[in-house]
Amino acid sequence: MTTQTMTMAKALNEGLRAAMEKNKKVLIMGEDVGKLGGVFRITDGLQKDFGEDRVIDAPLAESAIVGTAVGLAIRGYRTVCEIQFDGFVYPAFDQIVSQVAKLRKRSDGVYTMGLVIRIPFQGGIGAIEHHSESPEAYFAHTAGLRVVSCSTPNDAYWMIQQSIEHDDPIIFCEPKSRYWEKGEVNLDEPPNGLFDAVVRREGTDVTVVGYGSTVKTALRAADTAAQEGLSIEVIDARSLAPFDLETMAASLTKTGRLVVVQEAPHTASVGSELVASLSERCFYSLRAPGIRVSGYHVPYPPTRIEEDYRPSVDRVLDAVDRVMGFDS
């Protein structure tokens, strides 16, 4: 097995490179993705190596970027659209919901929609609203879209390639606060399917589900809880549409207690749907109601109080204590 240590940002870059080398119809389009290499340098060096016809610097117009990619998808191209920051995706929302999500179904499969929309999301980098948001629930709610999120460099490397190869449109959510964290990347084969959840840590007392940035928070909480004799099982959801409910339900059937961690506000969220779906599926195994640990239902706050808004280890552990406090 060939492995290499790299940051998540580098893993995404290498994954894009591998996809472009494999298929000449893979294109990259976005604001500053070419000469600058993207605001987070995810596409660094790709325009130099593949040319301006395949790595395209677009104008500041997200609707035009996604709309152009729709036309290219109809012609058989596979375009990776970069949205610079999560809050900048909304000008393209009409294109995504009205066209991207529906054209494959509308055409009865005549057209595929091999299109990936990369969105750096969640907070943790000292930026304000429009630069630290979590819009995943909008897209998970939209029939016809697939929504995934990586949490490790290895997943980033493989999931971006799997997304590009998929015939349905993929909303690819990247936790920007994890871009610079390093990990081992297996360069030989993907460890999981694109829509598979993964057990990151086994446990017996509480199931904690996270995605993106919150997986690391959940793992840190599990380390702390272990010092107090509590065993937490941590699951990385990875896919937010569709959910891998089988993997999560198997864990919840074992532990009987559920905590879901997300940076997005809790109302009508991915966490809300996970608690509802898993409660329906595992009702007779539950020993406590499912709990969401989330951002608050307010616009993203100024930098000085950002960490009071985002889920912390202490908030996760408080939720664990609450579900452990119910009678078995």
C-alpha atoms as a PDB file:
ATOM      1  CA  MET A   1       0.000   0.000   0.000  1.00  0.00           C
ATOM      2  CA  THR A   2       1.404   3.366  -1.055  1.00  0.00           C
ATOM      3  CA  THR A   3       0.760   6.094   1.497  1.00  0.00           C
ATOM      4  CA  GLN A   4       1.749   9.724   1.785  1.00  0.00           C
ATOM      5  CA  THR A   5       1.260  12.302   4.534  1.00  0.00           C
ATOM      6  CA  MET A   6      -0.446  15.473   3.331  1.00  0.00           C
ATOM      7  CA  THR A   7      -2.827  18.191   4.405  1.00  0.00           C
ATOM      8  CA  MET A   8      -6.480  18.052   3.407  1.00  0.00           C
ATOM      9  CA  ALA A   9      -5.880  20.969   1.024  1.00  0.00           C
ATOM     10  CA  LYS A  10      -3.041  19.089  -0.673  1.00  0.00           C
ATOM     11  CA  ALA A  11      -5.113  15.883  -0.764  1.00  0.00           C
ATOM     12  CA  LEU A  12      -7.920  17.710  -2.576  1.00  0.00           C
ATOM     13  CA  ASN A  13      -5.399  19.175  -4.999  1.00  0.00           C
ATOM     14  CA  GLU A  14      -3.918  15.754  -5.697  1.00  0.00           C
ATOM     15  CA  GLY A  15      -7.371  14.213  -6.057  1.00  0.00           C
ATOM     16  CA  LEU A  16      -8.356  16.839  -8.624  1.00  0.00           C
ATOM     17  CA  ARG A  17      -5.086  16.274 -10.456  1.00  0.00           C
ATOM     18  CA  ALA A  18      -5.673  12.504 -10.574  1.00  0.00           C
ATOM     19  CA  ALA A  19      -9.198  13.001 -11.935  1.00  0.00           C
ATOM     20  CA  MET A  20      -7.983  15.409 -14.621  1.00  0.00           C
ATOM     21  CA  GLU A  21      -5.221  13.043 -15.690  1.00  0.00           C
ATOM     22  CA  LYS A  22      -7.692  10.173 -15.924  1.00  0.00           C
ATOM     23  CA  ASN A  23     -10.401  11.996 -17.899  1.00  0.00           C
ATOM     24  CA  LYS A  24      -9.718  14.825 -20.343  1.00  0.00           C
ATOM     25  CA  LYS A  25     -13.320  16.006 -19.999  1.00  0.00           C
ATOM     26  CA  VAL A  26     -12.827  16.990 -16.366  1.00  0.00           C
ATOM     27  CA  LEU A  27     -12.747  20.780 -16.062  1.00  0.00           C
ATOM     28  CA  ILE A  28     -12.356  23.178 -13.140  1.00  0.00           C
ATOM     29  CA  MET A  29     -14.147  26.511 -13.075  1.00  0.00           C
ATOM     30  CA  GLY A  30     -14.356  29.240 -10.471  1.00  0.00           C
ATOM     31  CA  GLU A  31     -13.201  32.604  -9.240  1.00  0.00           C
ATOM     32  CA  ASP A  32      -9.381  32.764  -9.024  1.00  0.00           C
ATOM     33  CA  VAL A  33      -8.962  29.003  -9.434  1.00  0.00           C
ATOM     34  CA  GLY A  34      -6.346  29.395 -12.170  1.00  0.00           C
ATOM     35  CA  LYS A  35      -3.396  31.703 -11.730  1.00  0.00           C
ATOM     36  CA  LEU A  36      -4.003  32.238  -8.010  1.00  0.00           C
ATOM     37  CA  GLY A  37      -4.835  28.579  -7.357  1.00  0.00           C
ATOM     38  CA  GLY A  38      -7.989  29.383  -5.397  1.00  0.00           C
ATOM     39  CA  VAL A  39      -8.384  31.418  -2.234  1.00  0.00           C
ATOM     40  CA  PHE A  40      -7.365  28.337  -0.203  1.00  0.00           C
ATOM     41  CA  ARG A  41      -4.890  27.168  -2.902  1.00  0.00           C
ATOM     42  CA  ILE A  42      -6.833  23.965  -3.519  1.00  0.00           C
ATOM     43  CA  THR A  43      -6.291  24.267  -7.290  1.00  0.00           C
ATOM     44  CA  ASP A  44      -2.700  25.505  -7.026  1.00  0.00           C
ATOM     45  CA  GLY A  45      -0.613  24.563 -10.058  1.00  0.00           C
ATOM     46  CA  LEU A  46      -3.429  22.912 -11.991  1.00  0.00           C
ATOM     47  CA  GLN A  47      -3.870  25.648 -14.596  1.00  0.00           C
ATOM     48  CA  LYS A  48      -0.126  25.643 -15.232  1.00  0.00           C
ATOM     49  CA  ASP A  49      -0.155  21.887 -15.849  1.00  0.00           C
ATOM     50  CA  PHE A  50      -3.508  21.460 -17.644  1.00  0.00           C
ATOM     51  CA  GLY A  51      -3.961  24.812 -19.349  1.00  0.00           C
ATOM     52  CA  GLU A  52      -6.491  27.637 -19.295  1.00  0.00           C
ATOM     53  CA  ASP A  53      -9.042  25.617 -21.297  1.00  0.00           C
ATOM     54  CA  ARG A  54      -9.397  23.115 -18.448  1.00  0.00           C
ATOM     55  CA  VAL A  55      -8.830  25.292 -15.377  1.00  0.00           C
ATOM     56  CA  ILE A  56     -10.933  28.351 -16.056  1.00  0.00           C
ATOM     57  CA  ASP A  57     -10.832  31.632 -14.164  1.00  0.00           C
ATOM     58  CA  ALA A  58     -14.461  32.743 -14.124  1.00  0.00           C
ATOM     59  CA  PRO A  59     -15.962  36.179 -13.447  1.00  0.00           C
ATOM     60  CA  LEU A  60     -17.444  37.001 -10.036  1.00  0.00           C
ATOM     61  CA  ALA A  61     -20.791  35.441 -10.941  1.00  0.00           C
ATOM     62  CA  GLU A  62     -21.689  32.171  -9.229  1.00  0.00           C
ATOM     63  CA  SER A  63     -24.896  31.790 -11.219  1.00  0.00           C
ATOM     64  CA  ALA A  64     -22.917  32.035 -14.458  1.00  0.00           C
ATOM     65  CA  ILE A  65     -20.331  29.528 -13.209  1.00  0.00           C
ATOM     66  CA  VAL A  66     -22.938  26.900 -12.341  1.00  0.00           C
ATOM     67  CA  GLY A  67     -25.130  27.682 -15.365  1.00  0.00           C
ATOM     68  CA  THR A  68     -22.173  27.209 -17.714  1.00  0.00           C
ATOM     69  CA  ALA A  69     -21.323  23.948 -15.974  1.00  0.00           C
ATOM     70  CA  VAL A  70     -24.881  22.697 -16.601  1.00  0.00           C
ATOM     71  CA  GLY A  71     -24.458  23.207 -20.333  1.00  0.00           C
ATOM     72  CA  LEU A  72     -21.066  21.498 -20.240  1.00  0.00           C
ATOM     73  CA  ALA A  73     -22.554  18.545 -18.328  1.00  0.00           C
ATOM     74  CA  ILE A  74     -25.195  18.100 -21.023  1.00  0.00           C
ATOM     75  CA  ARG A  75     -22.340  17.876 -23.527  1.00  0.00           C
ATOM     76  CA  GLY A  76     -20.598  15.181 -21.485  1.00  0.00           C
ATOM     77  CA  TYR A  77     -18.058  17.274 -19.608  1.00  0.00           C
ATOM     78  CA  ARG A  78     -17.506  16.895 -15.882  1.00  0.00           C
ATOM     79  CA  THR A  79     -17.006  20.296 -14.358  1.00  0.00           C
ATOM     80  CA  VAL A  80     -15.830  20.976 -10.823  1.00  0.00           C
ATOM     81  CA  CYS A  81     -17.182  24.373  -9.776  1.00  0.00           C
ATOM     82  CA  GLU A  82     -15.449  26.093  -6.887  1.00  0.00           C
ATOM     83  CA  ILE A  83     -17.500  28.413  -4.704  1.00  0.00           C
ATOM     84  CA  GLN A  84     -14.958  30.546  -2.835  1.00  0.00           C
ATOM     85  CA  PHE A  85     -16.887  30.611   0.444  1.00  0.00           C
ATOM     86  CA  ASP A  86     -20.071  28.924   1.661  1.00  0.00           C
ATOM     87  CA  GLY A  87     -22.100  32.141   1.808  1.00  0.00           C
ATOM     88  CA  PHE A  88     -21.269  32.955  -1.812  1.00  0.00           C
ATOM     89  CA  VAL A  89     -23.268  29.987  -3.130  1.00  0.00           C
ATOM     90  CA  TYR A  90     -26.640  31.733  -2.834  1.00  0.00           C
ATOM     91  CA  PRO A  91     -26.442  33.671  -6.139  1.00  0.00           C
ATOM     92  CA  ALA A  92     -26.237  30.230  -7.794  1.00  0.00           C
ATOM     93  CA  PHE A  93     -29.058  28.751  -5.726  1.00  0.00           C
ATOM     94  CA  ASP A  94     -31.662  29.076  -8.496  1.00  0.00           C
ATOM     95  CA  GLN A  95     -29.396  27.287 -10.978  1.00  0.00           C
ATOM     96  CA  ILE A  96     -28.613  24.520  -8.499  1.00  0.00           C
ATOM     97  CA  VAL A  97     -32.176  23.876  -7.340  1.00  0.00           C
ATOM     98  CA  SER A  98     -34.025  24.533 -10.609  1.00  0.00           C
ATOM     99  CA  GLN A  99     -31.585  23.087 -13.153  1.00  0.00           C
ATOM    100  CA  VAL A 100     -28.727  21.082 -11.657  1.00  0.00           C
ATOM    101  CA  ALA A 101     -30.979  19.010  -9.389  1.00  0.00           C
ATOM    102  CA  LYS A 102     -33.679  18.340 -11.963  1.00  0.00           C
ATOM    103  CA  LEU A 103     -32.248  17.951 -15.468  1.00  0.00           C
ATOM    104  CA  ARG A 104     -31.344  14.274 -15.207  1.00  0.00           C
ATOM    105  CA  LYS A 105     -34.841  13.382 -14.026  1.00  0.00           C
ATOM    106  CA  ARG A 106     -36.497  15.834 -16.412  1.00  0.00           C
ATOM    107  CA  SER A 107     -34.688  14.265 -19.366  1.00  0.00           C
ATOM    108  CA  ASP A 108     -35.504  10.724 -18.192  1.00  0.00           C
ATOM    109  CA  GLY A 109     -31.790  10.011 -17.968  1.00  0.00           C
ATOM    110  CA  VAL A 110     -30.915  11.240 -21.453  1.00  0.00           C
ATOM    111  CA  TYR A 111     -28.652  13.803 -19.783  1.00  0.00           C
ATOM    112  CA  THR A 112     -26.347  12.958 -16.946  1.00  0.00           C
ATOM    113  CA  MET A 113     -25.359  15.779 -14.634  1.00  0.00           C
ATOM    114  CA  GLY A 114     -21.744  14.931 -13.802  1.00  0.00           C
ATOM    115  CA  LEU A 115     -21.124  18.146 -11.963  1.00  0.00           C
ATOM    116  CA  VAL A 116     -19.394  18.776  -8.632  1.00  0.00           C
ATOM    117  CA  ILE A 117     -19.896  21.994  -6.687  1.00  0.00           C
ATOM    118  CA  ARG A 118     -17.127  22.420  -4.118  1.00  0.00           C
ATOM    119  CA  ILE A 119     -18.133  24.542  -1.125  1.00  0.00           C
ATOM    120  CA  PRO A 120     -15.666  25.384   1.682  1.00  0.00           C
ATOM    121  CA  PHE A 121     -18.066  25.433   4.629  1.00  0.00           C
ATOM    122  CA  GLN A 122     -18.312  25.745   8.408  1.00  0.00           C
ATOM    123  CA  GLY A 123     -16.326  28.184  10.529  1.00  0.00           C
ATOM    124  CA  GLY A 124     -13.198  28.171  12.601  1.00  0.00           C
ATOM    125  CA  ILE A 125     -10.959  30.462  10.538  1.00  0.00           C
ATOM    126  CA  GLY A 126     -11.760  33.806  12.124  1.00  0.00           C
ATOM    127  CA  ALA A 127     -14.089  34.996   9.371  1.00  0.00           C
ATOM    128  CA  ILE A 128     -17.545  36.541   9.585  1.00  0.00           C
ATOM    129  CA  GLU A 129     -20.865  35.681   7.957  1.00  0.00           C
ATOM    130  CA  HIS A 130     -20.828  34.655   4.282  1.00  0.00           C
ATOM    131  CA  HIS A 131     -17.394  33.128   4.994  1.00  0.00           C
ATOM    132  CA  SER A 132     -18.237  30.691   7.807  1.00  0.00           C
ATOM    133  CA  GLU A 133     -21.709  29.338   7.115  1.00  0.00           C
ATOM    134  CA  SER A 134     -23.143  25.828   6.934  1.00  0.00           C
ATOM    135  CA  PRO A 135     -25.658  25.709   4.062  1.00  0.00           C
ATOM    136  CA  GLU A 136     -25.712  21.920   3.658  1.00  0.00           C
ATOM    137  CA  ALA A 137     -29.353  21.473   4.741  1.00  0.00           C
ATOM    138  CA  TYR A 138     -30.625  23.565   1.810  1.00  0.00           C
ATOM    139  CA  PHE A 139     -29.059  21.108  -0.604  1.00  0.00           C
ATOM    140  CA  ALA A 140     -29.738  17.918   1.360  1.00  0.00           C
ATOM    141  CA  HIS A 141     -33.418  18.897   1.238  1.00  0.00           C
ATOM    142  CA  THR A 142     -33.342  19.231  -2.563  1.00  0.00           C
ATOM    143  CA  ALA A 143     -34.285  16.039  -4.388  1.00  0.00           C
ATOM    144  CA  GLY A 144     -31.821  15.237  -7.170  1.00  0.00           C
ATOM    145  CA  LEU A 145     -28.718  16.460  -5.358  1.00  0.00           C
ATOM    146  CA  ARG A 146     -26.163  14.368  -3.517  1.00  0.00           C
ATOM    147  CA  VAL A 147     -24.371  16.037  -0.608  1.00  0.00           C
ATOM    148  CA  VAL A 148     -21.118  14.780   0.898  1.00  0.00           C
ATOM    149  CA  SER A 149     -18.487  16.087   3.298  1.00  0.00           C
ATOM    150  CA  CYS A 150     -14.929  14.923   3.942  1.00  0.00           C
ATOM    151  CA  SER A 151     -13.234  15.109   7.339  1.00  0.00           C
ATOM    152  CA  THR A 152      -9.777  13.618   6.688  1.00  0.00           C
ATOM    153  CA  PRO A 153      -7.121  14.035   3.977  1.00  0.00           C
ATOM    154  CA  ASN A 154      -7.642  10.430   2.882  1.00  0.00           C
ATOM    155  CA  ASP A 155     -11.369  10.964   2.414  1.00  0.00           C
ATOM    156  CA  ALA A 156     -10.737  14.265   0.662  1.00  0.00           C
ATOM    157  CA  TYR A 157      -8.399  12.624  -1.850  1.00  0.00           C
ATOM    158  CA  TRP A 158     -10.781   9.806  -2.725  1.00  0.00           C
ATOM    159  CA  MET A 159     -14.196  11.434  -2.279  1.00  0.00           C
ATOM    160  CA  ILE A 160     -13.435  14.251  -4.743  1.00  0.00           C
ATOM    161  CA  GLN A 161     -12.492  11.664  -7.377  1.00  0.00           C
ATOM    162  CA  GLN A 162     -15.560   9.529  -6.644  1.00  0.00           C
ATOM    163  CA  SER A 163     -17.764  12.616  -6.856  1.00  0.00           C
ATOM    164  CA  ILE A 164     -16.346  13.619 -10.237  1.00  0.00           C
ATOM    165  CA  GLU A 165     -17.017  10.125 -11.603  1.00  0.00           C
ATOM    166  CA  HIS A 166     -20.641  10.093 -10.381  1.00  0.00           C
ATOM    167  CA  ASP A 167     -23.430  10.815 -12.882  1.00  0.00           C
ATOM    168  CA  ASP A 168     -25.543  12.756 -10.364  1.00  0.00           C
ATOM    169  CA  PRO A 169     -24.657  16.278  -9.246  1.00  0.00           C
ATOM    170  CA  ILE A 170     -22.646  16.399  -6.039  1.00  0.00           C
ATOM    171  CA  ILE A 171     -22.501  19.207  -3.492  1.00  0.00           C
ATOM    172  CA  PHE A 172     -19.036  18.676  -2.023  1.00  0.00           C
ATOM    173  CA  CYS A 173     -18.676  20.331   1.395  1.00  0.00           C
ATOM    174  CA  GLU A 174     -15.138  20.916   2.617  1.00  0.00           C
ATOM    175  CA  PRO A 175     -14.507  21.886   6.284  1.00  0.00           C
ATOM    176  CA  LYS A 176     -12.228  24.848   5.742  1.00  0.00           C
ATOM    177  CA  SER A 177     -10.930  24.807   9.317  1.00  0.00           C
ATOM    178  CA  ARG A 178      -9.392  21.372   8.596  1.00  0.00           C
ATOM    179  CA  TYR A 179      -7.622  22.306   5.338  1.00  0.00           C
ATOM    180  CA  TRP A 180      -4.196  22.514   6.989  1.00  0.00           C
ATOM    181  CA  GLU A 181      -4.367  19.401   9.160  1.00  0.00           C
ATOM    182  CA  LYS A 182      -2.244  16.473   8.031  1.00  0.00           C
ATOM    183  CA  GLY A 183      -3.044  12.788   7.711  1.00  0.00           C
ATOM    184  CA  GLU A 184      -2.062   9.620   5.903  1.00  0.00           C
ATOM    185  CA  VAL A 185      -3.462   9.191   2.390  1.00  0.00           C
ATOM    186  CA  ASN A 186      -3.688   5.756   0.777  1.00  0.00           C
ATOM    187  CA  LEU A 187      -2.889   6.413  -2.876  1.00  0.00           C
ATOM    188  CA  ASP A 188      -3.851   2.932  -4.079  1.00  0.00           C
ATOM    189  CA  GLU A 189      -7.566   2.459  -3.447  1.00  0.00           C
ATOM    190  CA  PRO A 190     -10.520   4.190  -1.775  1.00  0.00           C
ATOM    191  CA  PRO A 191     -11.300   2.879   1.714  1.00  0.00           C
ATOM    192  CA  ASN A 192     -15.080   3.364   1.417  1.00  0.00           C
ATOM    193  CA  GLY A 193     -17.894   4.078  -0.995  1.00  0.00           C
ATOM    194  CA  LEU A 194     -18.798   7.728  -1.548  1.00  0.00           C
ATOM    195  CA  PHE A 195     -22.047   7.486   0.432  1.00  0.00           C
ATOM    196  CA  ASP A 196     -20.812   5.272   3.279  1.00  0.00           C
ATOM    197  CA  ALA A 197     -20.675   6.436   6.886  1.00  0.00           C
ATOM    198  CA  VAL A 198     -17.571   5.359   8.805  1.00  0.00           C
ATOM    199  CA  VAL A 199     -17.056   4.397  12.447  1.00  0.00           C
ATOM    200  CA  ARG A 200     -14.054   6.509  13.463  1.00  0.00           C
ATOM    201  CA  ARG A 201     -13.952   5.185  17.032  1.00  0.00           C
ATOM    202  CA  GLU A 202     -15.760   2.225  18.528  1.00  0.00           C
ATOM    203  CA  GLY A 203     -17.678   2.507  21.780  1.00  0.00           C
ATOM    204  CA  THR A 204     -20.572   1.058  23.743  1.00  0.00           C
ATOM    205  CA  ASP A 205     -22.297   3.819  25.746  1.00  0.00           C
ATOM    206  CA  VAL A 206     -23.209   6.652  23.351  1.00  0.00           C
ATOM    207  CA  THR A 207     -23.258   7.081  19.565  1.00  0.00           C
ATOM    208  CA  VAL A 208     -21.956  10.493  18.507  1.00  0.00           C
ATOM    209  CA  VAL A 209     -22.445  11.373  14.828  1.00  0.00           C
ATOM    210  CA  GLY A 210     -20.621  14.256  13.185  1.00  0.00           C
ATOM    211  CA  TYR A 211     -19.450  15.397   9.770  1.00  0.00           C
ATOM    212  CA  GLY A 212     -16.875  17.796   8.423  1.00  0.00           C
ATOM    213  CA  SER A 213     -15.172  19.765  11.188  1.00  0.00           C
ATOM    214  CA  THR A 214     -17.224  18.238  14.005  1.00  0.00           C
ATOM    215  CA  VAL A 215     -15.771  14.753  13.609  1.00  0.00           C
ATOM    216  CA  LYS A 216     -12.531  15.884  15.236  1.00  0.00           C
ATOM    217  CA  THR A 217     -14.500  17.612  17.989  1.00  0.00           C
ATOM    218  CA  ALA A 218     -16.401  14.376  18.640  1.00  0.00           C
ATOM    219  CA  LEU A 219     -13.181  12.355  18.758  1.00  0.00           C
ATOM    220  CA  ARG A 220     -11.637  14.782  21.254  1.00  0.00           C
ATOM    221  CA  ALA A 221     -14.792  14.497  23.378  1.00  0.00           C
ATOM    222  CA  ALA A 222     -14.536  10.705  23.224  1.00  0.00           C
ATOM    223  CA  ASP A 223     -10.935  10.874  24.468  1.00  0.00           C
ATOM    224  CA  THR A 224     -11.991  13.010  27.418  1.00  0.00           C
ATOM    225  CA  ALA A 225     -15.018  10.847  28.212  1.00  0.00           C
ATOM    226  CA  ALA A 226     -12.852   7.732  28.237  1.00  0.00           C
ATOM    227  CA  GLN A 227     -10.897   9.190  31.156  1.00  0.00           C
ATOM    228  CA  GLU A 228     -14.181   9.197  33.092  1.00  0.00           C
ATOM    229  CA  GLY A 229     -15.069   5.643  32.123  1.00  0.00           C
ATOM    230  CA  LEU A 230     -17.523   6.467  29.324  1.00  0.00           C
ATOM    231  CA  SER A 231     -17.238   4.717  25.963  1.00  0.00           C
ATOM    232  CA  ILE A 232     -18.284   6.850  22.989  1.00  0.00           C
ATOM    233  CA  GLU A 233     -18.678   5.519  19.472  1.00  0.00           C
ATOM    234  CA  VAL A 234     -17.902   8.242  16.895  1.00  0.00           C
ATOM    235  CA  ILE A 235     -19.420   8.017  13.432  1.00  0.00           C
ATOM    236  CA  ASP A 236     -18.435  10.221  10.513  1.00  0.00           C
ATOM    237  CA  ALA A 237     -21.619  10.589   8.447  1.00  0.00           C
ATOM    238  CA  ARG A 238     -19.651  11.626   5.311  1.00  0.00           C
ATOM    239  CA  SER A 239     -22.798  11.562   3.164  1.00  0.00           C
ATOM    240  CA  LEU A 240     -25.623  13.961   4.050  1.00  0.00           C
ATOM    241  CA  ALA A 241     -27.832  13.020   1.102  1.00  0.00           C
ATOM    242  CA  PRO A 242     -28.294  10.110   1.104  1.00  0.00           C
ATOM    243  CA  PHE A 243     -27.613   9.074   4.703  1.00  0.00           C
ATOM    244  CA  ASP A 244     -26.006   5.731   5.461  1.00  0.00           C
ATOM    245  CA  LEU A 245     -28.612   4.950   8.099  1.00  0.00           C
ATOM    246  CA  GLU A 246     -27.640   1.283   8.282  1.00  0.00           C
ATOM    247  CA  THR A 247     -24.207   2.020   9.724  1.00  0.00           C
ATOM    248  CA  MET A 248     -25.594   4.583  12.160  1.00  0.00           C
ATOM    249  CA  ALA A 249     -28.521   2.397  13.201  1.00  0.00           C
ATOM    250  CA  ALA A 250     -26.209  -0.524  13.916  1.00  0.00           C
ATOM    251  CA  SER A 251     -24.296   1.696  16.320  1.00  0.00           C
ATOM    252  CA  LEU A 252     -27.411   3.162  17.953  1.00  0.00           C
ATOM    253  CA  THR A 253     -28.927  -0.285  18.423  1.00  0.00           C
ATOM    254  CA  LYS A 254     -25.813  -1.151  20.414  1.00  0.00           C
ATOM    255  CA  THR A 255     -25.514   2.026  22.506  1.00  0.00           C
ATOM    256  CA  GLY A 256     -29.141   3.169  22.808  1.00  0.00           C
ATOM    257  CA  ARG A 257     -28.073   6.823  23.036  1.00  0.00           C
ATOM    258  CA  LEU A 258     -27.544   9.370  20.257  1.00  0.00           C
ATOM    259  CA  VAL A 259     -25.829  12.765  19.998  1.00  0.00           C
ATOM    260  CA  VAL A 260     -25.477  14.514  16.621  1.00  0.00           C
ATOM    261  CA  VAL A 261     -22.929  17.338  16.272  1.00  0.00           C
ATOM    262  CA  GLN A 262     -23.022  20.027  13.573  1.00  0.00           C
ATOM    263  CA  GLU A 263     -21.986  23.659  13.131  1.00  0.00           C
ATOM    264  CA  ALA A 264     -25.252  24.588  11.406  1.00  0.00           C
ATOM    265  CA  PRO A 265     -28.202  25.919  13.459  1.00  0.00           C
ATOM    266  CA  HIS A 266     -30.362  23.103  14.785  1.00  0.00           C
ATOM    267  CA  THR A 267     -33.715  24.096  13.249  1.00  0.00           C
ATOM    268  CA  ALA A 268     -34.683  22.038  10.159  1.00  0.00           C
ATOM    269  CA  SER A 269     -31.118  20.788   9.899  1.00  0.00           C
ATOM    270  CA  VAL A 270     -29.170  17.697   8.913  1.00  0.00           C
ATOM    271  CA  GLY A 271     -28.914  16.892  12.622  1.00  0.00           C
ATOM    272  CA  SER A 272     -32.681  17.200  13.014  1.00  0.00           C
ATOM    273  CA  GLU A 273     -33.254  14.728  10.195  1.00  0.00           C
ATOM    274  CA  LEU A 274     -30.686  12.293  11.568  1.00  0.00           C
ATOM    275  CA  VAL A 275     -32.282  12.322  15.025  1.00  0.00           C
ATOM    276  CA  ALA A 276     -35.743  11.821  13.491  1.00  0.00           C
ATOM    277  CA  SER A 277     -34.724   9.072  11.063  1.00  0.00           C
ATOM    278  CA  LEU A 278     -32.663   7.141  13.578  1.00  0.00           C
ATOM    279  CA  SER A 279     -35.322   7.489  16.278  1.00  0.00           C
ATOM    280  CA  GLU A 280     -37.887   5.982  13.901  1.00  0.00           C
ATOM    281  CA  ARG A 281     -35.584   3.158  12.918  1.00  0.00           C
ATOM    282  CA  CYS A 282     -34.212   2.344  16.380  1.00  0.00           C
ATOM    283  CA  PHE A 283     -37.156   3.292  18.609  1.00  0.00           C
ATOM    284  CA  TYR A 284     -37.164   0.100  20.650  1.00  0.00           C
ATOM    285  CA  SER A 285     -33.412   0.319  21.254  1.00  0.00           C
ATOM    286  CA  LEU A 286     -33.410   3.899  22.539  1.00  0.00           C
ATOM    287  CA  ARG A 287     -32.536   4.514  26.172  1.00  0.00           C
ATOM    288  CA  ALA A 288     -32.753   8.321  25.822  1.00  0.00           C
ATOM    289  CA  PRO A 289     -34.016  10.846  23.272  1.00  0.00           C
ATOM    290  CA  GLY A 290     -31.531  11.926  20.604  1.00  0.00           C
ATOM    291  CA  ILE A 291     -29.831  15.281  21.190  1.00  0.00           C
ATOM    292  CA  ARG A 292     -28.395  17.817  18.724  1.00  0.00           C
ATOM    293  CA  VAL A 293     -25.303  19.880  19.510  1.00  0.00           C
ATOM    294  CA  SER A 294     -25.197  22.693  16.987  1.00  0.00           C
ATOM    295  CA  GLY A 295     -24.618  26.305  16.174  1.00  0.00           C
ATOM    296  CA  TYR A 296     -27.217  28.673  17.543  1.00  0.00           C
ATOM    297  CA  HIS A 297     -30.177  29.954  15.542  1.00  0.00           C
ATOM    298  CA  VAL A 298     -28.592  33.332  14.828  1.00  0.00           C
ATOM    299  CA  PRO A 299     -26.428  34.646  11.982  1.00  0.00           C
ATOM    300  CA  TYR A 300     -22.773  33.648  12.245  1.00  0.00           C
ATOM    301  CA  PRO A 301     -21.161  35.853  14.915  1.00  0.00           C
ATOM    302  CA  PRO A 302     -18.084  38.112  14.942  1.00  0.00           C
ATOM    303  CA  THR A 303     -14.686  36.458  15.280  1.00  0.00           C
ATOM    304  CA  ARG A 304     -14.240  37.305  18.958  1.00  0.00           C
ATOM    305  CA  ILE A 305     -17.168  35.088  19.970  1.00  0.00           C
ATOM    306  CA  GLU A 306     -16.907  32.519  17.168  1.00  0.00           C
ATOM    307  CA  GLU A 307     -15.821  29.708  19.461  1.00  0.00           C
ATOM    308  CA  ASP A 308     -18.814  30.337  21.713  1.00  0.00           C
ATOM    309  CA  TYR A 309     -21.038  29.667  18.705  1.00  0.00           C
ATOM    310  CA  ARG A 310     -19.386  26.533  17.333  1.00  0.00           C
ATOM    311  CA  PRO A 311     -19.884  23.157  19.058  1.00  0.00           C
ATOM    312  CA  SER A 312     -17.096  22.537  21.556  1.00  0.00           C
ATOM    313  CA  VAL A 313     -15.819  19.487  23.388  1.00  0.00           C
ATOM    314  CA  ASP A 314     -17.538  20.739  26.550  1.00  0.00           C
ATOM    315  CA  ARG A 315     -20.893  21.106  24.781  1.00  0.00           C
ATOM    316  CA  VAL A 316     -20.594  17.605  23.313  1.00  0.00           C
ATOM    317  CA  LEU A 317     -19.733  16.172  26.724  1.00  0.00           C
ATOM    318  CA  ASP A 318     -22.677  18.006  28.272  1.00  0.00           C
ATOM    319  CA  ALA A 319     -24.972  16.332  25.724  1.00  0.00           C
ATOM    320  CA  VAL A 320     -23.371  12.972  26.501  1.00  0.00           C
ATOM    321  CA  ASP A 321     -24.060  13.527  30.198  1.00  0.00           C
ATOM    322  CA  ARG A 322     -27.684  14.378  29.424  1.00  0.00           C
ATOM    323  CA  VAL A 323     -28.341  11.209  27.421  1.00  0.00           C
ATOM    324  CA  MET A 324     -26.539   9.146  30.053  1.00  0.00           C
ATOM    325  CA  GLY A 325     -28.755  10.697  32.717  1.00  0.00           C
ATOM    326  CA  PHE A 326     -31.924   8.994  31.509  1.00  0.00           C
ATOM    327  CA  ASP A 327     -32.992   5.788  33.202  1.00  0.00           C
ATOM    328  CA  SER A 328     -32.178   2.708  31.155  1.00  0.00           C
END
